[in-house]
Amino acid sequence: MKIFIVQGTLIGLFGTLLGIIGGVILAYNVSDVVIFIEQMFNIQFLSQEVYYIGEIPSDPHLSDIVTVAVVSFILTLLATLYQVTAHQKLTLPRHCVMSNQVIACQNLYKSYFQGS
């Protein structure tokens, strides 16, 4: 059980950090990214003839970044704990727990979970 919690927490932390770093980089460089995409596909996102603004505004605040990071990490912890509790409720056949034969154990799993 401990391995599921540790692994889920590490994956959640790693994903949250990557998401925050990528999001902050994108938020501070959104104008350059939009210009690059417009030139690459020969389109214009915000035409001056249609819209009153000519660029996509981006104003990242530290409080927003911290809030998103904390909420996303809490959600990954909740998902991890849900999986751990669901795993604890499973009762596996004793043969599978003690067996080293993978094929026999897989067949036993199929019959156990499918009810046949």
PDB file of N, CA and C in Angstrom:
ATOM      1  N   MET A   1       0.823  -1.188   0.000  1.00  0.00           N
ATOM      2  CA  MET A   1       0.000   0.000   0.000  1.00  0.00           C
ATOM      3  C   MET A   1       0.867   1.251   0.000  1.00  0.00           C
ATOM      4  N   LYS A   2       1.948   1.209   0.743  1.00  0.00           N
ATOM      5  CA  LYS A   2       2.820   2.378   0.839  1.00  0.00           C
ATOM      6  C   LYS A   2       3.434   2.731  -0.517  1.00  0.00           C
ATOM      7  N   ILE A   3       3.739   1.710  -1.315  1.00  0.00           N
ATOM      8  CA  ILE A   3       4.355   1.961  -2.618  1.00  0.00           C
ATOM      9  C   ILE A   3       3.405   2.716  -3.536  1.00  0.00           C
ATOM     10  N   PHE A   4       2.100   2.421  -3.449  1.00  0.00           N
ATOM     11  CA  PHE A   4       1.128   3.132  -4.274  1.00  0.00           C
ATOM     12  C   PHE A   4       1.055   4.607  -3.887  1.00  0.00           C
ATOM     13  N   ILE A   5       1.093   4.863  -2.598  1.00  0.00           N
ATOM     14  CA  ILE A   5       1.024   6.248  -2.121  1.00  0.00           C
ATOM     15  C   ILE A   5       2.281   7.008  -2.529  1.00  0.00           C
ATOM     16  N   VAL A   6       3.431   6.400  -2.329  1.00  0.00           N
ATOM     17  CA  VAL A   6       4.695   7.073  -2.670  1.00  0.00           C
ATOM     18  C   VAL A   6       4.781   7.326  -4.171  1.00  0.00           C
ATOM     19  N   GLN A   7       4.461   6.304  -4.957  1.00  0.00           N
ATOM     20  CA  GLN A   7       4.568   6.452  -6.402  1.00  0.00           C
ATOM     21  C   GLN A   7       3.536   7.453  -6.935  1.00  0.00           C
ATOM     22  N   GLY A   8       2.311   7.403  -6.444  1.00  0.00           N
ATOM     23  CA  GLY A   8       1.295   8.354  -6.867  1.00  0.00           C
ATOM     24  C   GLY A   8       1.651   9.773  -6.490  1.00  0.00           C
ATOM     25  N   THR A   9       2.219   9.950  -5.305  1.00  0.00           N
ATOM     26  CA  THR A   9       2.628  11.282  -4.859  1.00  0.00           C
ATOM     27  C   THR A   9       3.772  11.815  -5.715  1.00  0.00           C
ATOM     28  N   LEU A  10       4.748  10.970  -6.007  1.00  0.00           N
ATOM     29  CA  LEU A  10       5.869  11.426  -6.837  1.00  0.00           C
ATOM     30  C   LEU A  10       5.427  11.769  -8.257  1.00  0.00           C
ATOM     31  N   ILE A  11       4.559  10.947  -8.826  1.00  0.00           N
ATOM     32  CA  ILE A  11       4.059  11.241 -10.171  1.00  0.00           C
ATOM     33  C   ILE A  11       3.247  12.531 -10.161  1.00  0.00           C
ATOM     34  N   GLY A  12       2.416  12.710  -9.135  1.00  0.00           N
ATOM     35  CA  GLY A  12       1.626  13.940  -9.017  1.00  0.00           C
ATOM     36  C   GLY A  12       2.503  15.166  -8.848  1.00  0.00           C
ATOM     37  N   LEU A  13       3.538  15.053  -8.035  1.00  0.00           N
ATOM     38  CA  LEU A  13       4.452  16.176  -7.826  1.00  0.00           C
ATOM     39  C   LEU A  13       5.199  16.515  -9.109  1.00  0.00           C
ATOM     40  N   PHE A  14       5.694  15.488  -9.793  1.00  0.00           N
ATOM     41  CA  PHE A  14       6.421  15.700 -11.042  1.00  0.00           C
ATOM     42  C   PHE A  14       5.513  16.332 -12.107  1.00  0.00           C
ATOM     43  N   GLY A  15       4.293  15.830 -12.229  1.00  0.00           N
ATOM     44  CA  GLY A  15       3.349  16.382 -13.198  1.00  0.00           C
ATOM     45  C   GLY A  15       2.952  17.808 -12.869  1.00  0.00           C
ATOM     46  N   THR A  16       2.753  18.086 -11.592  1.00  0.00           N
ATOM     47  CA  THR A  16       2.404  19.449 -11.176  1.00  0.00           C
ATOM     48  C   THR A  16       3.546  20.408 -11.473  1.00  0.00           C
ATOM     49  N   LEU A  17       4.763  20.000 -11.154  1.00  0.00           N
ATOM     50  CA  LEU A  17       5.917  20.871 -11.423  1.00  0.00           C
ATOM     51  C   LEU A  17       6.084  21.124 -12.923  1.00  0.00           C
ATOM     52  N   LEU A  18       5.964  20.069 -13.734  1.00  0.00           N
ATOM     53  CA  LEU A  18       6.080  20.259 -15.183  1.00  0.00           C
ATOM     54  C   LEU A  18       4.982  21.172 -15.720  1.00  0.00           C
ATOM     55  N   GLY A  19       3.759  20.985 -15.221  1.00  0.00           N
ATOM     56  CA  GLY A  19       2.647  21.814 -15.660  1.00  0.00           C
ATOM     57  C   GLY A  19       2.814  23.271 -15.271  1.00  0.00           C
ATOM     58  N   ILE A  20       3.269  23.510 -14.066  1.00  0.00           N
ATOM     59  CA  ILE A  20       3.471  24.889 -13.603  1.00  0.00           C
ATOM     60  C   ILE A  20       4.605  25.549 -14.385  1.00  0.00           C
ATOM     61  N   ILE A  21       5.700  24.844 -14.577  1.00  0.00           N
ATOM     62  CA  ILE A  21       6.827  25.419 -15.330  1.00  0.00           C
ATOM     63  C   ILE A  21       6.407  25.721 -16.768  1.00  0.00           C
ATOM     64  N   GLY A  22       5.746  24.760 -17.421  1.00  0.00           N
ATOM     65  CA  GLY A  22       5.289  24.984 -18.793  1.00  0.00           C
ATOM     66  C   GLY A  22       4.266  26.096 -18.891  1.00  0.00           C
ATOM     67  N   GLY A  23       3.338  26.141 -17.927  1.00  0.00           N
ATOM     68  CA  GLY A  23       2.316  27.186 -17.938  1.00  0.00           C
ATOM     69  C   GLY A  23       2.890  28.575 -17.723  1.00  0.00           C
ATOM     70  N   VAL A  24       3.843  28.698 -16.820  1.00  0.00           N
ATOM     71  CA  VAL A  24       4.461  30.004 -16.560  1.00  0.00           C
ATOM     72  C   VAL A  24       5.266  30.468 -17.763  1.00  0.00           C
ATOM     73  N   ILE A  25       6.012  29.539 -18.364  1.00  0.00           N
ATOM     74  CA  ILE A  25       6.784  29.899 -19.569  1.00  0.00           C
ATOM     75  C   ILE A  25       5.844  30.356 -20.680  1.00  0.00           C
ATOM     76  N   LEU A  26       4.748  29.639 -20.876  1.00  0.00           N
ATOM     77  CA  LEU A  26       3.781  30.018 -21.904  1.00  0.00           C
ATOM     78  C   LEU A  26       3.104  31.339 -21.569  1.00  0.00           C
ATOM     79  N   ALA A  27       2.748  31.549 -20.305  1.00  0.00           N
ATOM     80  CA  ALA A  27       2.064  32.781 -19.915  1.00  0.00           C
ATOM     81  C   ALA A  27       2.938  34.012 -20.135  1.00  0.00           C
ATOM     82  N   TYR A  28       4.211  33.901 -19.866  1.00  0.00           N
ATOM     83  CA  TYR A  28       5.100  35.044 -20.054  1.00  0.00           C
ATOM     84  C   TYR A  28       5.511  35.253 -21.514  1.00  0.00           C
ATOM     85  N   ASN A  29       5.327  34.247 -22.368  1.00  0.00           N
ATOM     86  CA  ASN A  29       5.729  34.344 -23.766  1.00  0.00           C
ATOM     87  C   ASN A  29       4.566  34.136 -24.730  1.00  0.00           C
ATOM     88  N   VAL A  30       3.345  34.390 -24.293  1.00  0.00           N
ATOM     89  CA  VAL A  30       2.181  34.085 -25.122  1.00  0.00           C
ATOM     90  C   VAL A  30       2.175  34.915 -26.401  1.00  0.00           C
ATOM     91  N   SER A  31       2.627  36.145 -26.351  1.00  0.00           N
ATOM     92  CA  SER A  31       2.654  36.985 -27.564  1.00  0.00           C
ATOM     93  C   SER A  31       3.581  36.401 -28.620  1.00  0.00           C
ATOM     94  N   ASP A  32       4.763  35.946 -28.188  1.00  0.00           N
ATOM     95  CA  ASP A  32       5.704  35.345 -29.129  1.00  0.00           C
ATOM     96  C   ASP A  32       5.167  34.039 -29.704  1.00  0.00           C
ATOM     97  N   VAL A  33       4.489  33.251 -28.866  1.00  0.00           N
ATOM     98  CA  VAL A  33       3.921  31.982 -29.331  1.00  0.00           C
ATOM     99  C   VAL A  33       2.815  32.242 -30.344  1.00  0.00           C
ATOM    100  N   VAL A  34       1.964  33.233 -30.077  1.00  0.00           N
ATOM    101  CA  VAL A  34       0.875  33.563 -31.011  1.00  0.00           C
ATOM    102  C   VAL A  34       1.443  34.044 -32.337  1.00  0.00           C
ATOM    103  N   ILE A  35       2.454  34.896 -32.292  1.00  0.00           N
ATOM    104  CA  ILE A  35       3.081  35.377 -33.534  1.00  0.00           C
ATOM    105  C   ILE A  35       3.673  34.212 -34.319  1.00  0.00           C
ATOM    106  N   PHE A  36       4.331  33.277 -33.620  1.00  0.00           N
ATOM    107  CA  PHE A  36       4.912  32.117 -34.274  1.00  0.00           C
ATOM    108  C   PHE A  36       3.836  31.264 -34.946  1.00  0.00           C
ATOM    109  N   ILE A  37       2.741  31.005 -34.248  1.00  0.00           N
ATOM    110  CA  ILE A  37       1.661  30.186 -34.814  1.00  0.00           C
ATOM    111  C   ILE A  37       1.000  30.908 -35.987  1.00  0.00           C
ATOM    112  N   GLU A  38       0.798  32.227 -35.860  1.00  0.00           N
ATOM    113  CA  GLU A  38       0.196  32.987 -36.959  1.00  0.00           C
ATOM    114  C   GLU A  38       1.063  32.942 -38.211  1.00  0.00           C
ATOM    115  N   GLN A  39       2.376  33.069 -38.042  1.00  0.00           N
ATOM    116  CA  GLN A  39       3.275  33.014 -39.200  1.00  0.00           C
ATOM    117  C   GLN A  39       3.377  31.607 -39.768  1.00  0.00           C
ATOM    118  N   MET A  40       3.342  30.618 -38.903  1.00  0.00           N
ATOM    119  CA  MET A  40       3.497  29.239 -39.344  1.00  0.00           C
ATOM    120  C   MET A  40       2.304  28.777 -40.180  1.00  0.00           C
ATOM    121  N   PHE A  41       1.081  29.128 -39.752  1.00  0.00           N
ATOM    122  CA  PHE A  41      -0.123  28.682 -40.444  1.00  0.00           C
ATOM    123  C   PHE A  41      -0.762  29.765 -41.312  1.00  0.00           C
ATOM    124  N   ASN A  42      -0.115  30.929 -41.382  1.00  0.00           N
ATOM    125  CA  ASN A  42      -0.581  32.044 -42.206  1.00  0.00           C
ATOM    126  C   ASN A  42      -2.029  32.431 -41.862  1.00  0.00           C
ATOM    127  N   ILE A  43      -2.296  32.580 -40.567  1.00  0.00           N
ATOM    128  CA  ILE A  43      -3.604  33.013 -40.084  1.00  0.00           C
ATOM    129  C   ILE A  43      -3.410  34.154 -39.098  1.00  0.00           C
ATOM    130  N   GLN A  44      -4.502  34.811 -38.731  1.00  0.00           N
ATOM    131  CA  GLN A  44      -4.434  35.865 -37.725  1.00  0.00           C
ATOM    132  C   GLN A  44      -5.533  35.602 -36.700  1.00  0.00           C
ATOM    133  N   PHE A  45      -5.127  35.411 -35.441  1.00  0.00           N
ATOM    134  CA  PHE A  45      -6.084  35.090 -34.388  1.00  0.00           C
ATOM    135  C   PHE A  45      -7.009  36.257 -34.077  1.00  0.00           C
ATOM    136  N   LEU A  46      -6.443  37.401 -33.812  1.00  0.00           N
ATOM    137  CA  LEU A  46      -7.235  38.568 -33.424  1.00  0.00           C
ATOM    138  C   LEU A  46      -7.052  39.675 -34.459  1.00  0.00           C
ATOM    139  N   SER A  47      -7.913  39.668 -35.444  1.00  0.00           N
ATOM    140  CA  SER A  47      -7.840  40.676 -36.497  1.00  0.00           C
ATOM    141  C   SER A  47      -8.284  42.029 -35.945  1.00  0.00           C
ATOM    142  N   GLN A  48      -7.531  43.068 -36.268  1.00  0.00           N
ATOM    143  CA  GLN A  48      -7.874  44.417 -35.818  1.00  0.00           C
ATOM    144  C   GLN A  48      -9.192  44.895 -36.429  1.00  0.00           C
ATOM    145  N   GLU A  49      -9.550  44.336 -37.565  1.00  0.00           N
ATOM    146  CA  GLU A  49     -10.796  44.739 -38.217  1.00  0.00           C
ATOM    147  C   GLU A  49     -12.021  44.207 -37.473  1.00  0.00           C
ATOM    148  N   VAL A  50     -11.865  43.120 -36.759  1.00  0.00           N
ATOM    149  CA  VAL A  50     -12.993  42.494 -36.071  1.00  0.00           C
ATOM    150  C   VAL A  50     -12.975  42.780 -34.566  1.00  0.00           C
ATOM    151  N   TYR A  51     -11.801  42.665 -33.942  1.00  0.00           N
ATOM    152  CA  TYR A  51     -11.688  42.798 -32.493  1.00  0.00           C
ATOM    153  C   TYR A  51     -11.049  44.123 -32.113  1.00  0.00           C
ATOM    154  N   TYR A  52     -11.338  44.567 -30.887  1.00  0.00           N
ATOM    155  CA  TYR A  52     -10.768  45.826 -30.402  1.00  0.00           C
ATOM    156  C   TYR A  52      -9.354  45.644 -29.864  1.00  0.00           C
ATOM    157  N   ILE A  53      -8.961  44.405 -29.622  1.00  0.00           N
ATOM    158  CA  ILE A  53      -7.606  44.146 -29.121  1.00  0.00           C
ATOM    159  C   ILE A  53      -6.815  43.434 -30.201  1.00  0.00           C
ATOM    160  N   GLY A  54      -5.521  43.672 -30.217  1.00  0.00           N
ATOM    161  CA  GLY A  54      -4.684  43.070 -31.237  1.00  0.00           C
ATOM    162  C   GLY A  54      -3.777  41.979 -30.719  1.00  0.00           C
ATOM    163  N   GLU A  55      -3.825  41.717 -29.429  1.00  0.00           N
ATOM    164  CA  GLU A  55      -2.971  40.685 -28.856  1.00  0.00           C
ATOM    165  C   GLU A  55      -3.706  39.989 -27.712  1.00  0.00           C
ATOM    166  N   ILE A  56      -3.221  38.812 -27.358  1.00  0.00           N
ATOM    167  CA  ILE A  56      -3.811  38.055 -26.259  1.00  0.00           C
ATOM    168  C   ILE A  56      -3.161  38.524 -24.959  1.00  0.00           C
ATOM    169  N   PRO A  57      -3.962  39.063 -24.049  1.00  0.00           N
ATOM    170  CA  PRO A  57      -3.372  39.557 -22.799  1.00  0.00           C
ATOM    171  C   PRO A  57      -3.006  38.403 -21.863  1.00  0.00           C
ATOM    172  N   SER A  58      -1.900  38.566 -21.169  1.00  0.00           N
ATOM    173  CA  SER A  58      -1.464  37.581 -20.194  1.00  0.00           C
ATOM    174  C   SER A  58      -0.847  38.318 -19.014  1.00  0.00           C
ATOM    175  N   ASP A  59      -1.408  38.092 -17.835  1.00  0.00           N
ATOM    176  CA  ASP A  59      -0.921  38.757 -16.629  1.00  0.00           C
ATOM    177  C   ASP A  59      -0.852  37.749 -15.489  1.00  0.00           C
ATOM    178  N   PRO A  60       0.174  36.885 -15.484  1.00  0.00           N
ATOM    179  CA  PRO A  60       0.260  35.864 -14.429  1.00  0.00           C
ATOM    180  C   PRO A  60       0.597  36.480 -13.068  1.00  0.00           C
ATOM    181  N   HIS A  61      -0.121  36.033 -12.040  1.00  0.00           N
ATOM    182  CA  HIS A  61       0.132  36.466 -10.666  1.00  0.00           C
ATOM    183  C   HIS A  61       0.628  35.273  -9.856  1.00  0.00           C
ATOM    184  N   LEU A  62       1.530  35.542  -8.953  1.00  0.00           N
ATOM    185  CA  LEU A  62       2.099  34.475  -8.131  1.00  0.00           C
ATOM    186  C   LEU A  62       1.013  33.753  -7.330  1.00  0.00           C
ATOM    187  N   SER A  63       0.038  34.495  -6.838  1.00  0.00           N
ATOM    188  CA  SER A  63      -1.022  33.860  -6.050  1.00  0.00           C
ATOM    189  C   SER A  63      -1.840  32.883  -6.898  1.00  0.00           C
ATOM    190  N   ASP A  64      -2.090  33.232  -8.162  1.00  0.00           N
ATOM    191  CA  ASP A  64      -2.818  32.324  -9.061  1.00  0.00           C
ATOM    192  C   ASP A  64      -2.000  31.068  -9.354  1.00  0.00           C
ATOM    193  N   ILE A  65      -0.712  31.248  -9.573  1.00  0.00           N
ATOM    194  CA  ILE A  65       0.169  30.122  -9.880  1.00  0.00           C
ATOM    195  C   ILE A  65       0.244  29.169  -8.691  1.00  0.00           C
ATOM    196  N   VAL A  66       0.381  29.707  -7.493  1.00  0.00           N
ATOM    197  CA  VAL A  66       0.457  28.878  -6.289  1.00  0.00           C
ATOM    198  C   VAL A  66      -0.877  28.166  -6.058  1.00  0.00           C
ATOM    199  N   THR A  67      -1.985  28.863  -6.275  1.00  0.00           N
ATOM    200  CA  THR A  67      -3.302  28.244  -6.092  1.00  0.00           C
ATOM    201  C   THR A  67      -3.494  27.071  -7.045  1.00  0.00           C
ATOM    202  N   VAL A  68      -3.150  27.256  -8.300  1.00  0.00           N
ATOM    203  CA  VAL A  68      -3.280  26.175  -9.280  1.00  0.00           C
ATOM    204  C   VAL A  68      -2.374  25.007  -8.912  1.00  0.00           C
ATOM    205  N   ALA A  69      -1.156  25.290  -8.479  1.00  0.00           N
ATOM    206  CA  ALA A  69      -0.225  24.219  -8.109  1.00  0.00           C
ATOM    207  C   ALA A  69      -0.744  23.431  -6.909  1.00  0.00           C
ATOM    208  N   VAL A  70      -1.231  24.117  -5.900  1.00  0.00           N
ATOM    209  CA  VAL A  70      -1.714  23.442  -4.698  1.00  0.00           C
ATOM    210  C   VAL A  70      -2.956  22.609  -5.005  1.00  0.00           C
ATOM    211  N   VAL A  71      -3.903  23.171  -5.749  1.00  0.00           N
ATOM    212  CA  VAL A  71      -5.127  22.442  -6.072  1.00  0.00           C
ATOM    213  C   VAL A  71      -4.822  21.219  -6.935  1.00  0.00           C
ATOM    214  N   SER A  72      -3.948  21.364  -7.910  1.00  0.00           N
ATOM    215  CA  SER A  72      -3.630  20.212  -8.759  1.00  0.00           C
ATOM    216  C   SER A  72      -2.916  19.124  -7.968  1.00  0.00           C
ATOM    217  N   PHE A  73      -2.039  19.497  -7.053  1.00  0.00           N
ATOM    218  CA  PHE A  73      -1.357  18.487  -6.245  1.00  0.00           C
ATOM    219  C   PHE A  73      -2.329  17.803  -5.285  1.00  0.00           C
ATOM    220  N   ILE A  74      -3.250  18.547  -4.716  1.00  0.00           N
ATOM    221  CA  ILE A  74      -4.261  17.944  -3.834  1.00  0.00           C
ATOM    222  C   ILE A  74      -5.121  16.961  -4.622  1.00  0.00           C
ATOM    223  N   LEU A  75      -5.482  17.317  -5.853  1.00  0.00           N
ATOM    224  CA  LEU A  75      -6.274  16.401  -6.678  1.00  0.00           C
ATOM    225  C   LEU A  75      -5.518  15.119  -7.000  1.00  0.00           C
ATOM    226  N   THR A  76      -4.213  15.232  -7.234  1.00  0.00           N
ATOM    227  CA  THR A  76      -3.443  14.014  -7.494  1.00  0.00           C
ATOM    228  C   THR A  76      -3.342  13.156  -6.235  1.00  0.00           C
ATOM    229  N   LEU A  77      -3.241  13.788  -5.067  1.00  0.00           N
ATOM    230  CA  LEU A  77      -3.224  13.020  -3.827  1.00  0.00           C
ATOM    231  C   LEU A  77      -4.554  12.313  -3.592  1.00  0.00           C
ATOM    232  N   LEU A  78      -5.659  13.009  -3.865  1.00  0.00           N
ATOM    233  CA  LEU A  78      -6.974  12.392  -3.707  1.00  0.00           C
ATOM    234  C   LEU A  78      -7.147  11.214  -4.669  1.00  0.00           C
ATOM    235  N   ALA A  79      -6.671  11.367  -5.902  1.00  0.00           N
ATOM    236  CA  ALA A  79      -6.754  10.265  -6.865  1.00  0.00           C
ATOM    237  C   ALA A  79      -5.897   9.089  -6.415  1.00  0.00           C
ATOM    238  N   THR A  80      -4.740   9.374  -5.854  1.00  0.00           N
ATOM    239  CA  THR A  80      -3.870   8.320  -5.339  1.00  0.00           C
ATOM    240  C   THR A  80      -4.536   7.589  -4.178  1.00  0.00           C
ATOM    241  N   LEU A  81      -5.102   8.330  -3.249  1.00  0.00           N
ATOM    242  CA  LEU A  81      -5.748   7.708  -2.097  1.00  0.00           C
ATOM    243  C   LEU A  81      -6.975   6.911  -2.514  1.00  0.00           C
ATOM    244  N   TYR A  82      -7.682   7.374  -3.531  1.00  0.00           N
ATOM    245  CA  TYR A  82      -8.833   6.621  -4.033  1.00  0.00           C
ATOM    246  C   TYR A  82      -8.378   5.268  -4.582  1.00  0.00           C
ATOM    247  N   GLN A  83      -7.300   5.266  -5.346  1.00  0.00           N
ATOM    248  CA  GLN A  83      -6.795   4.015  -5.902  1.00  0.00           C
ATOM    249  C   GLN A  83      -6.311   3.077  -4.810  1.00  0.00           C
ATOM    250  N   VAL A  84      -5.689   3.620  -3.774  1.00  0.00           N
ATOM    251  CA  VAL A  84      -5.202   2.782  -2.679  1.00  0.00           C
ATOM    252  C   VAL A  84      -6.373   2.138  -1.953  1.00  0.00           C
ATOM    253  N   THR A  85      -7.411   2.904  -1.675  1.00  0.00           N
ATOM    254  CA  THR A  85      -8.567   2.331  -0.974  1.00  0.00           C
ATOM    255  C   THR A  85      -9.294   1.320  -1.852  1.00  0.00           C
ATOM    256  N   ALA A  86      -9.369   1.569  -3.158  1.00  0.00           N
ATOM    257  CA  ALA A  86      -9.995   0.603  -4.059  1.00  0.00           C
ATOM    258  C   ALA A  86      -9.178  -0.679  -4.114  1.00  0.00           C
ATOM    259  N   HIS A  87      -7.866  -0.550  -4.080  1.00  0.00           N
ATOM    260  CA  HIS A  87      -6.991  -1.726  -4.101  1.00  0.00           C
ATOM    261  C   HIS A  87      -7.120  -2.533  -2.806  1.00  0.00           C
ATOM    262  N   GLN A  88      -7.304  -1.852  -1.690  1.00  0.00           N
ATOM    263  CA  GLN A  88      -7.427  -2.553  -0.411  1.00  0.00           C
ATOM    264  C   GLN A  88      -8.701  -3.380  -0.342  1.00  0.00           C
ATOM    265  N   LYS A  89      -9.737  -2.949  -1.038  1.00  0.00           N
ATOM    266  CA  LYS A  89     -11.008  -3.662  -0.998  1.00  0.00           C
ATOM    267  C   LYS A  89     -10.984  -4.944  -1.820  1.00  0.00           C
ATOM    268  N   LEU A  90     -10.003  -5.063  -2.722  1.00  0.00           N
ATOM    269  CA  LEU A  90      -9.895  -6.282  -3.523  1.00  0.00           C
ATOM    270  C   LEU A  90      -9.379  -7.424  -2.659  1.00  0.00           C
ATOM    271  N   THR A  91     -10.030  -8.549  -2.787  1.00  0.00           N
ATOM    272  CA  THR A  91      -9.512  -9.750  -2.139  1.00  0.00           C
ATOM    273  C   THR A  91      -9.107 -10.716  -3.243  1.00  0.00           C
ATOM    274  N   LEU A  92      -7.843 -10.951  -3.347  1.00  0.00           N
ATOM    275  CA  LEU A  92      -7.324 -11.803  -4.405  1.00  0.00           C
ATOM    276  C   LEU A  92      -7.303 -13.256  -3.931  1.00  0.00           C
ATOM    277  N   PRO A  93      -7.452 -14.156  -4.855  1.00  0.00           N
ATOM    278  CA  PRO A  93      -7.346 -15.570  -4.477  1.00  0.00           C
ATOM    279  C   PRO A  93      -5.969 -15.862  -3.891  1.00  0.00           C
ATOM    280  N   ARG A  94      -5.937 -16.677  -2.881  1.00  0.00           N
ATOM    281  CA  ARG A  94      -4.687 -16.998  -2.198  1.00  0.00           C
ATOM    282  C   ARG A  94      -3.660 -17.609  -3.151  1.00  0.00           C
ATOM    283  N   HIS A  95      -4.130 -18.368  -4.126  1.00  0.00           N
ATOM    284  CA  HIS A  95      -3.227 -18.998  -5.084  1.00  0.00           C
ATOM    285  C   HIS A  95      -2.417 -17.948  -5.843  1.00  0.00           C
ATOM    286  N   CYS A  96      -3.043 -16.821  -6.242  1.00  0.00           N
ATOM    287  CA  CYS A  96      -2.338 -15.784  -7.006  1.00  0.00           C
ATOM    288  C   CYS A  96      -1.313 -15.057  -6.153  1.00  0.00           C
ATOM    289  N   VAL A  97      -1.616 -14.868  -4.913  1.00  0.00           N
ATOM    290  CA  VAL A  97      -0.697 -14.151  -4.042  1.00  0.00           C
ATOM    291  C   VAL A  97       0.561 -14.973  -3.795  1.00  0.00           C
ATOM    292  N   MET A  98       0.408 -16.284  -3.678  1.00  0.00           N
ATOM    293  CA  MET A  98       1.539 -17.135  -3.334  1.00  0.00           C
ATOM    294  C   MET A  98       2.208 -17.765  -4.550  1.00  0.00           C
ATOM    295  N   SER A  99       1.609 -17.652  -5.738  1.00  0.00           N
ATOM    296  CA  SER A  99       2.101 -18.358  -6.906  1.00  0.00           C
ATOM    297  C   SER A  99       3.163 -17.549  -7.644  1.00  0.00           C
ATOM    298  N   ASN A 100       4.102 -18.272  -8.236  1.00  0.00           N
ATOM    299  CA  ASN A 100       5.097 -17.645  -9.100  1.00  0.00           C
ATOM    300  C   ASN A 100       4.775 -17.881 -10.568  1.00  0.00           C
ATOM    301  N   GLN A 101       3.708 -18.600 -10.842  1.00  0.00           N
ATOM    302  CA  GLN A 101       3.338 -18.917 -12.216  1.00  0.00           C
ATOM    303  C   GLN A 101       2.428 -17.820 -12.757  1.00  0.00           C
ATOM    304  N   VAL A 102       2.949 -17.004 -13.642  1.00  0.00           N
ATOM    305  CA  VAL A 102       2.224 -15.838 -14.126  1.00  0.00           C
ATOM    306  C   VAL A 102       1.024 -16.240 -14.970  1.00  0.00           C
ATOM    307  N   ILE A 103       1.170 -17.188 -15.857  1.00  0.00           N
ATOM    308  CA  ILE A 103       0.076 -17.573 -16.756  1.00  0.00           C
ATOM    309  C   ILE A 103      -1.080 -18.178 -15.968  1.00  0.00           C
ATOM    310  N   ALA A 104      -0.785 -19.061 -15.059  1.00  0.00           N
ATOM    311  CA  ALA A 104      -1.840 -19.663 -14.244  1.00  0.00           C
ATOM    312  C   ALA A 104      -2.539 -18.601 -13.412  1.00  0.00           C
ATOM    313  N   CYS A 105      -1.788 -17.669 -12.914  1.00  0.00           N
ATOM    314  CA  CYS A 105      -2.352 -16.603 -12.097  1.00  0.00           C
ATOM    315  C   CYS A 105      -3.230 -15.687 -12.946  1.00  0.00           C
ATOM    316  N   GLN A 106      -2.805 -15.379 -14.184  1.00  0.00           N
ATOM    317  CA  GLN A 106      -3.622 -14.547 -15.064  1.00  0.00           C
ATOM    318  C   GLN A 106      -4.931 -15.237 -15.396  1.00  0.00           C
ATOM    319  N   ASN A 107      -4.897 -16.531 -15.667  1.00  0.00           N
ATOM    320  CA  ASN A 107      -6.131 -17.269 -15.940  1.00  0.00           C
ATOM    321  C   ASN A 107      -7.037 -17.271 -14.721  1.00  0.00           C
ATOM    322  N   LEU A 108      -6.443 -17.381 -13.545  1.00  0.00           N
ATOM    323  CA  LEU A 108      -7.234 -17.360 -12.325  1.00  0.00           C
ATOM    324  C   LEU A 108      -7.855 -15.979 -12.115  1.00  0.00           C
ATOM    325  N   TYR A 109      -7.103 -14.911 -12.444  1.00  0.00           N
ATOM    326  CA  TYR A 109      -7.648 -13.562 -12.361  1.00  0.00           C
ATOM    327  C   TYR A 109      -8.848 -13.410 -13.266  1.00  0.00           C
ATOM    328  N   LYS A 110      -8.707 -13.883 -14.509  1.00  0.00           N
ATOM    329  CA  LYS A 110      -9.809 -13.766 -15.472  1.00  0.00           C
ATOM    330  C   LYS A 110     -11.055 -14.466 -14.952  1.00  0.00           C
ATOM    331  N   SER A 111     -10.886 -15.676 -14.456  1.00  0.00           N
ATOM    332  CA  SER A 111     -12.055 -16.403 -13.966  1.00  0.00           C
ATOM    333  C   SER A 111     -12.593 -15.774 -12.684  1.00  0.00           C
ATOM    334  N   TYR A 112     -11.724 -15.218 -11.883  1.00  0.00           N
ATOM    335  CA  TYR A 112     -12.156 -14.613 -10.613  1.00  0.00           C
ATOM    336  C   TYR A 112     -12.937 -13.330 -10.859  1.00  0.00           C
ATOM    337  N   PHE A 113     -12.444 -12.463 -11.749  1.00  0.00           N
ATOM    338  CA  PHE A 113     -13.080 -11.173 -11.965  1.00  0.00           C
ATOM    339  C   PHE A 113     -14.244 -11.233 -12.945  1.00  0.00           C
ATOM    340  N   GLN A 114     -14.261 -12.222 -13.829  1.00  0.00           N
ATOM    341  CA  GLN A 114     -15.361 -12.333 -14.782  1.00  0.00           C
ATOM    342  C   GLN A 114     -16.442 -13.264 -14.259  1.00  0.00           C
ATOM    343  N   GLY A 115     -16.187 -13.928 -13.193  1.00  0.00           N
ATOM    344  CA  GLY A 115     -17.184 -14.783 -12.572  1.00  0.00           C
ATOM    345  C   GLY A 115     -17.423 -16.097 -13.280  1.00  0.00           C
ATOM    346  N   SER A 116     -16.489 -16.518 -14.125  1.00  0.00           N
ATOM    347  CA  SER A 116     -16.687 -17.797 -14.834  1.00  0.00           C
ATOM    348  C   SER A 116     -15.783 -18.870 -14.281  1.00  0.00           C
TER     349      SER A 116
END
